[in-house]
Amino acid sequence: TARAEALTGPTTPEGKRVQVHNPPGAEVGPGQTATWGVATADRAEGFGFKWEWDGRSSKHFPFDWSGPDD
């Protein structure tokens, strides 16, 4: 189960998300967008692991990677 709400702030237009275009670092490639949010529900259990991450922040960004076979 997972659910998140986008972070907002005083300079964020109403109804819009906080996004950074072309953020630095190795997490996203050139031209990608990162969106920050807070997990309101984030629980999983399987393969001997249990995960509970409610109320913590997270980043969401697309992966458009390909390997040498593509």
N, C-alpha and C. Protein backbone atom coordinates (compact mmCIF):
# COMPACT_ATOMS: atom_id res chain seq x y z
N THR A 1 0.85 -1.18 0.00
CA THR A 1 0.00 0.00 0.00
C THR A 1 0.89 1.23 0.00
N ALA A 2 0.57 2.17 -0.85
CA ALA A 2 1.34 3.41 -0.88
C ALA A 2 0.44 4.56 -1.27
N ARG A 3 0.70 5.71 -0.69
CA ARG A 3 -0.03 6.93 -1.01
C ARG A 3 0.87 8.09 -0.64
N ALA A 4 0.85 9.15 -1.44
CA ALA A 4 1.71 10.31 -1.17
C ALA A 4 0.98 11.59 -1.52
N GLU A 5 1.40 12.67 -0.91
CA GLU A 5 0.90 14.00 -1.23
C GLU A 5 2.09 14.87 -1.61
N ALA A 6 1.96 15.61 -2.69
CA ALA A 6 3.05 16.47 -3.14
C ALA A 6 3.30 17.58 -2.14
N LEU A 7 4.56 17.92 -1.94
CA LEU A 7 4.90 19.03 -1.06
C LEU A 7 4.53 20.35 -1.73
N THR A 8 4.14 21.31 -0.93
CA THR A 8 3.83 22.65 -1.43
C THR A 8 4.51 23.66 -0.52
N GLY A 9 4.50 24.89 -0.93
CA GLY A 9 5.10 25.95 -0.13
C GLY A 9 4.50 27.28 -0.50
N PRO A 10 4.96 28.36 0.12
CA PRO A 10 4.36 29.68 -0.11
C PRO A 10 4.56 30.20 -1.53
N THR A 11 5.54 29.68 -2.26
CA THR A 11 5.76 30.15 -3.63
C THR A 11 5.23 29.17 -4.67
N THR A 12 4.58 28.09 -4.23
CA THR A 12 4.02 27.11 -5.15
C THR A 12 2.62 27.54 -5.56
N PRO A 13 2.33 27.67 -6.85
CA PRO A 13 0.97 28.01 -7.28
C PRO A 13 -0.03 26.97 -6.79
N GLU A 14 -1.21 27.41 -6.42
CA GLU A 14 -2.24 26.51 -5.90
C GLU A 14 -2.54 25.40 -6.91
N GLY A 15 -2.57 24.17 -6.41
CA GLY A 15 -2.86 23.02 -7.26
C GLY A 15 -1.66 22.48 -8.02
N LYS A 16 -0.49 23.08 -7.84
CA LYS A 16 0.72 22.63 -8.54
C LYS A 16 1.62 21.86 -7.59
N ARG A 17 2.60 21.13 -8.14
CA ARG A 17 3.55 20.35 -7.36
C ARG A 17 4.89 21.07 -7.29
N VAL A 18 5.66 20.76 -6.25
CA VAL A 18 7.03 21.26 -6.15
C VAL A 18 7.88 20.37 -7.04
N GLN A 19 8.48 20.95 -8.06
CA GLN A 19 9.31 20.19 -8.99
C GLN A 19 10.61 20.94 -9.25
N VAL A 20 11.66 20.17 -9.48
CA VAL A 20 12.95 20.74 -9.86
C VAL A 20 13.31 20.15 -11.21
N HIS A 21 13.58 21.01 -12.17
CA HIS A 21 13.96 20.55 -13.51
C HIS A 21 15.48 20.57 -13.61
N ASN A 22 16.04 19.51 -14.18
CA ASN A 22 17.49 19.34 -14.31
C ASN A 22 18.21 19.44 -12.97
N PRO A 23 17.76 18.69 -11.94
CA PRO A 23 18.43 18.77 -10.64
C PRO A 23 19.84 18.20 -10.72
N PRO A 24 20.74 18.70 -9.88
CA PRO A 24 22.11 18.17 -9.90
C PRO A 24 22.16 16.80 -9.25
N GLY A 25 23.24 16.10 -9.46
CA GLY A 25 23.43 14.80 -8.82
C GLY A 25 23.22 13.66 -9.79
N ALA A 26 23.44 12.48 -9.30
CA ALA A 26 23.39 11.29 -10.14
C ALA A 26 22.01 10.65 -10.16
N GLU A 27 21.03 11.23 -9.50
CA GLU A 27 19.74 10.56 -9.38
C GLU A 27 18.88 10.66 -10.63
N VAL A 28 19.00 11.72 -11.36
CA VAL A 28 18.22 11.87 -12.58
C VAL A 28 19.15 12.29 -13.71
N GLY A 29 18.74 11.99 -14.91
CA GLY A 29 19.55 12.37 -16.06
C GLY A 29 19.22 13.77 -16.53
N PRO A 30 19.92 14.26 -17.54
CA PRO A 30 19.66 15.59 -18.07
C PRO A 30 18.22 15.71 -18.58
N GLY A 31 17.60 16.82 -18.28
CA GLY A 31 16.25 17.08 -18.77
C GLY A 31 15.15 16.43 -17.97
N GLN A 32 15.46 15.72 -16.89
CA GLN A 32 14.45 15.04 -16.09
C GLN A 32 13.91 15.97 -15.01
N THR A 33 12.76 15.59 -14.46
CA THR A 33 12.11 16.37 -13.42
C THR A 33 12.00 15.53 -12.16
N ALA A 34 12.32 16.11 -11.01
CA ALA A 34 12.16 15.44 -9.72
C ALA A 34 11.00 16.11 -8.99
N THR A 35 10.14 15.32 -8.36
CA THR A 35 9.01 15.82 -7.59
C THR A 35 9.17 15.34 -6.15
N TRP A 36 9.01 16.23 -5.19
CA TRP A 36 9.12 15.86 -3.78
C TRP A 36 7.73 15.70 -3.20
N GLY A 37 7.59 14.74 -2.28
CA GLY A 37 6.31 14.50 -1.64
C GLY A 37 6.50 13.88 -0.27
N VAL A 38 5.38 13.68 0.44
CA VAL A 38 5.38 13.02 1.74
C VAL A 38 4.51 11.78 1.62
N ALA A 39 5.05 10.65 2.07
CA ALA A 39 4.29 9.40 2.05
C ALA A 39 3.26 9.43 3.16
N THR A 40 1.98 9.40 2.81
CA THR A 40 0.93 9.36 3.83
C THR A 40 0.61 7.92 4.20
N ALA A 41 0.88 6.98 3.31
CA ALA A 41 0.75 5.55 3.57
C ALA A 41 1.78 4.84 2.72
N ASP A 42 2.64 4.07 3.34
CA ASP A 42 3.68 3.36 2.60
C ASP A 42 4.08 2.13 3.40
N ARG A 43 3.45 1.00 3.10
CA ARG A 43 3.71 -0.24 3.83
C ARG A 43 3.82 -1.40 2.86
N ALA A 44 4.77 -2.27 3.13
CA ALA A 44 4.93 -3.47 2.31
C ALA A 44 5.55 -4.57 3.17
N GLU A 45 5.23 -5.82 2.82
CA GLU A 45 5.81 -6.96 3.51
C GLU A 45 5.98 -8.09 2.52
N GLY A 46 7.16 -8.68 2.49
CA GLY A 46 7.41 -9.80 1.59
C GLY A 46 8.87 -10.21 1.61
N PHE A 47 9.11 -11.46 1.28
CA PHE A 47 10.47 -12.00 1.21
C PHE A 47 11.24 -11.80 2.51
N GLY A 48 10.52 -11.85 3.64
CA GLY A 48 11.18 -11.71 4.94
C GLY A 48 11.46 -10.28 5.36
N PHE A 49 10.97 -9.31 4.61
CA PHE A 49 11.19 -7.90 4.93
C PHE A 49 9.85 -7.23 5.22
N LYS A 50 9.88 -6.23 6.08
CA LYS A 50 8.70 -5.43 6.36
C LYS A 50 9.10 -3.96 6.28
N TRP A 51 8.29 -3.15 5.60
CA TRP A 51 8.60 -1.75 5.33
C TRP A 51 7.44 -0.88 5.79
N GLU A 52 7.71 0.12 6.62
CA GLU A 52 6.72 1.12 7.01
C GLU A 52 7.39 2.48 6.91
N TRP A 53 6.89 3.34 6.07
CA TRP A 53 7.54 4.61 5.78
C TRP A 53 6.54 5.77 5.83
N ASP A 54 5.45 5.61 6.56
CA ASP A 54 4.43 6.66 6.66
C ASP A 54 5.02 7.96 7.19
N GLY A 55 4.60 9.08 6.62
CA GLY A 55 4.97 10.40 7.11
C GLY A 55 6.36 10.87 6.74
N ARG A 56 7.08 10.08 6.00
CA ARG A 56 8.43 10.46 5.61
C ARG A 56 8.42 11.01 4.19
N SER A 57 9.40 11.82 3.89
CA SER A 57 9.44 12.43 2.56
C SER A 57 10.11 11.51 1.56
N SER A 58 9.80 11.76 0.32
CA SER A 58 10.40 10.96 -0.75
C SER A 58 10.49 11.80 -2.01
N LYS A 59 11.33 11.37 -2.92
CA LYS A 59 11.46 12.01 -4.23
C LYS A 59 10.95 11.04 -5.27
N HIS A 60 10.33 11.58 -6.28
CA HIS A 60 9.83 10.76 -7.38
C HIS A 60 10.44 11.30 -8.66
N PHE A 61 11.05 10.42 -9.43
CA PHE A 61 11.63 10.84 -10.69
C PHE A 61 11.60 9.67 -11.66
N PRO A 62 11.48 9.97 -12.95
CA PRO A 62 11.38 8.90 -13.95
C PRO A 62 12.73 8.24 -14.21
N PHE A 63 12.67 6.97 -14.54
CA PHE A 63 13.85 6.25 -15.01
C PHE A 63 13.63 5.93 -16.47
N ASP A 64 14.50 6.39 -17.30
CA ASP A 64 14.43 6.10 -18.73
C ASP A 64 15.81 5.63 -19.16
N TRP A 65 16.23 4.53 -18.58
CA TRP A 65 17.57 4.02 -18.81
C TRP A 65 17.51 2.84 -19.75
N SER A 66 18.58 2.61 -20.46
CA SER A 66 18.69 1.43 -21.31
C SER A 66 20.10 0.87 -21.18
N GLY A 67 20.21 -0.41 -21.45
CA GLY A 67 21.50 -1.08 -21.33
C GLY A 67 22.17 -1.24 -22.67
N PRO A 68 23.29 -1.95 -22.69
CA PRO A 68 24.05 -2.11 -23.92
C PRO A 68 23.33 -2.94 -24.98
N ASP A 69 22.29 -3.68 -24.58
CA ASP A 69 21.56 -4.52 -25.54
C ASP A 69 20.47 -3.76 -26.28
N ASP A 70 20.21 -2.52 -25.90
CA ASP A 70 19.12 -1.75 -26.53
C ASP A 70 19.59 -0.98 -27.74
